[in-house]
Amino acid sequence: LRRSPLIVLLSLEIMLNAGNLALIAFSRQQGEGTGQVFAIAVMAVAAAEVVVGLGLIVAMSRRRLPLDVDTFTELRG
């Protein structure tokens, strides 16, 4: 298995997009716009998650830390 942090972020992003698709489909079925509002909120959270995640990955690669997800036990400053 490849346990790259980029693959983990990509997988999380795909799961959030699947949730958005379900929210929009349910909203469309019910004829209301509340699901679309929740989907926009989830997109904002996903964008913030990507920014923080990529920032951590860049900071770790600049310090030449191993980028194996299995070896991380805690965040160190």
C-alpha atoms as a PDB file:
ATOM      1  CA  LEU A   1       0.000   0.000   0.000  1.00  0.00           C
ATOM      2  CA  ARG A   2       1.089   3.530  -0.714  1.00  0.00           C
ATOM      3  CA  ARG A   3       0.363   5.755   2.258  1.00  0.00           C
ATOM      4  CA  SER A   4       1.159   9.184   0.890  1.00  0.00           C
ATOM      5  CA  PRO A   5      -0.379  12.247   2.555  1.00  0.00           C
ATOM      6  CA  LEU A   6      -1.425  13.520  -0.862  1.00  0.00           C
ATOM      7  CA  ILE A   7      -3.368  10.328  -1.514  1.00  0.00           C
ATOM      8  CA  VAL A   8      -5.041  10.652   1.896  1.00  0.00           C
ATOM      9  CA  LEU A   9      -6.052  14.257   1.131  1.00  0.00           C
ATOM     10  CA  LEU A  10      -7.318  13.266  -2.301  1.00  0.00           C
ATOM     11  CA  SER A  11      -9.403  10.462  -0.797  1.00  0.00           C
ATOM     12  CA  LEU A  12     -10.883  12.816   1.780  1.00  0.00           C
ATOM     13  CA  GLU A  13     -11.719  15.317  -0.932  1.00  0.00           C
ATOM     14  CA  ILE A  14     -13.498  12.640  -2.974  1.00  0.00           C
ATOM     15  CA  MET A  15     -15.548  11.632   0.072  1.00  0.00           C
ATOM     16  CA  LEU A  16     -16.577  15.249   0.690  1.00  0.00           C
ATOM     17  CA  ASN A  17     -17.580  15.631  -2.966  1.00  0.00           C
ATOM     18  CA  ALA A  18     -19.692  12.474  -2.716  1.00  0.00           C
ATOM     19  CA  GLY A  19     -21.446  13.956   0.302  1.00  0.00           C
ATOM     20  CA  ASN A  20     -22.066  17.159  -1.664  1.00  0.00           C
ATOM     21  CA  LEU A  21     -23.564  15.182  -4.517  1.00  0.00           C
ATOM     22  CA  ALA A  22     -25.901  13.371  -2.106  1.00  0.00           C
ATOM     23  CA  LEU A  23     -26.953  16.658  -0.486  1.00  0.00           C
ATOM     24  CA  ILE A  24     -27.713  18.273  -3.824  1.00  0.00           C
ATOM     25  CA  ALA A  25     -29.597  15.215  -5.119  1.00  0.00           C
ATOM     26  CA  PHE A  26     -31.725  15.059  -1.966  1.00  0.00           C
ATOM     27  CA  SER A  27     -32.371  18.801  -2.140  1.00  0.00           C
ATOM     28  CA  ARG A  28     -33.410  18.503  -5.761  1.00  0.00           C
ATOM     29  CA  GLN A  29     -35.747  15.610  -4.970  1.00  0.00           C
ATOM     30  CA  GLN A  30     -37.436  17.522  -2.145  1.00  0.00           C
ATOM     31  CA  GLY A  31     -37.705  20.733  -4.155  1.00  0.00           C
ATOM     32  CA  GLU A  32     -35.954  22.855  -1.539  1.00  0.00           C
ATOM     33  CA  GLY A  33     -32.647  24.720  -1.595  1.00  0.00           C
ATOM     34  CA  THR A  34     -31.376  23.809   1.857  1.00  0.00           C
ATOM     35  CA  GLY A  35     -29.220  20.926   0.619  1.00  0.00           C
ATOM     36  CA  GLN A  36     -27.479  23.244  -1.799  1.00  0.00           C
ATOM     37  CA  VAL A  37     -26.696  25.670   1.012  1.00  0.00           C
ATOM     38  CA  PHE A  38     -25.180  22.832   3.049  1.00  0.00           C
ATOM     39  CA  ALA A  39     -23.191  21.727  -0.010  1.00  0.00           C
ATOM     40  CA  ILE A  40     -21.676  25.203  -0.339  1.00  0.00           C
ATOM     41  CA  ALA A  41     -20.731  25.113   3.353  1.00  0.00           C
ATOM     42  CA  VAL A  42     -19.082  21.706   2.855  1.00  0.00           C
ATOM     43  CA  MET A  43     -17.143  23.111  -0.124  1.00  0.00           C
ATOM     44  CA  ALA A  44     -15.818  25.922   2.065  1.00  0.00           C
ATOM     45  CA  VAL A  45     -14.707  23.433   4.719  1.00  0.00           C
ATOM     46  CA  ALA A  46     -13.091  21.241   2.039  1.00  0.00           C
ATOM     47  CA  ALA A  47     -11.182  24.215   0.631  1.00  0.00           C
ATOM     48  CA  ALA A  48      -9.867  25.103   4.086  1.00  0.00           C
ATOM     49  CA  GLU A  49      -8.895  21.466   4.690  1.00  0.00           C
ATOM     50  CA  VAL A  50      -6.916  21.363   1.442  1.00  0.00           C
ATOM     51  CA  VAL A  51      -5.064  24.583   2.283  1.00  0.00           C
ATOM     52  CA  VAL A  52      -4.070  23.361   5.742  1.00  0.00           C
ATOM     53  CA  GLY A  53      -3.206  19.862   4.523  1.00  0.00           C
ATOM     54  CA  LEU A  54      -1.045  21.026   1.632  1.00  0.00           C
ATOM     55  CA  GLY A  55       0.660  23.532   3.926  1.00  0.00           C
ATOM     56  CA  LEU A  56       1.574  20.728   6.321  1.00  0.00           C
ATOM     57  CA  ILE A  57       2.853  18.549   3.481  1.00  0.00           C
ATOM     58  CA  VAL A  58       5.013  21.364   2.088  1.00  0.00           C
ATOM     59  CA  ALA A  59       6.397  22.164   5.558  1.00  0.00           C
ATOM     60  CA  MET A  60       7.244  18.497   6.150  1.00  0.00           C
ATOM     61  CA  SER A  61       8.920  18.089   2.783  1.00  0.00           C
ATOM     62  CA  ARG A  62      11.028  21.227   3.336  1.00  0.00           C
ATOM     63  CA  ARG A  63      12.293  19.780   6.628  1.00  0.00           C
ATOM     64  CA  ARG A  64      13.022  16.528   4.809  1.00  0.00           C
ATOM     65  CA  LEU A  65      10.752  14.519   7.103  1.00  0.00           C
ATOM     66  CA  PRO A  66       9.509  11.183   5.788  1.00  0.00           C
ATOM     67  CA  LEU A  67       6.091  11.531   4.184  1.00  0.00           C
ATOM     68  CA  ASP A  68       4.801   8.132   5.278  1.00  0.00           C
ATOM     69  CA  VAL A  69       1.423   8.419   6.983  1.00  0.00           C
ATOM     70  CA  ASP A  70       1.936   5.265   9.063  1.00  0.00           C
ATOM     71  CA  THR A  71       4.979   6.719  10.856  1.00  0.00           C
ATOM     72  CA  PHE A  72       3.193   9.796  12.189  1.00  0.00           C
ATOM     73  CA  THR A  73       2.087   9.340  15.763  1.00  0.00           C
ATOM     74  CA  GLU A  74       1.690  12.962  16.809  1.00  0.00           C
ATOM     75  CA  LEU A  75       2.188  16.452  15.460  1.00  0.00           C
ATOM     76  CA  ARG A  76       5.447  18.059  16.534  1.00  0.00           C
ATOM     77  CA  GLY A  77       6.326  21.724  16.282  1.00  0.00           C
END
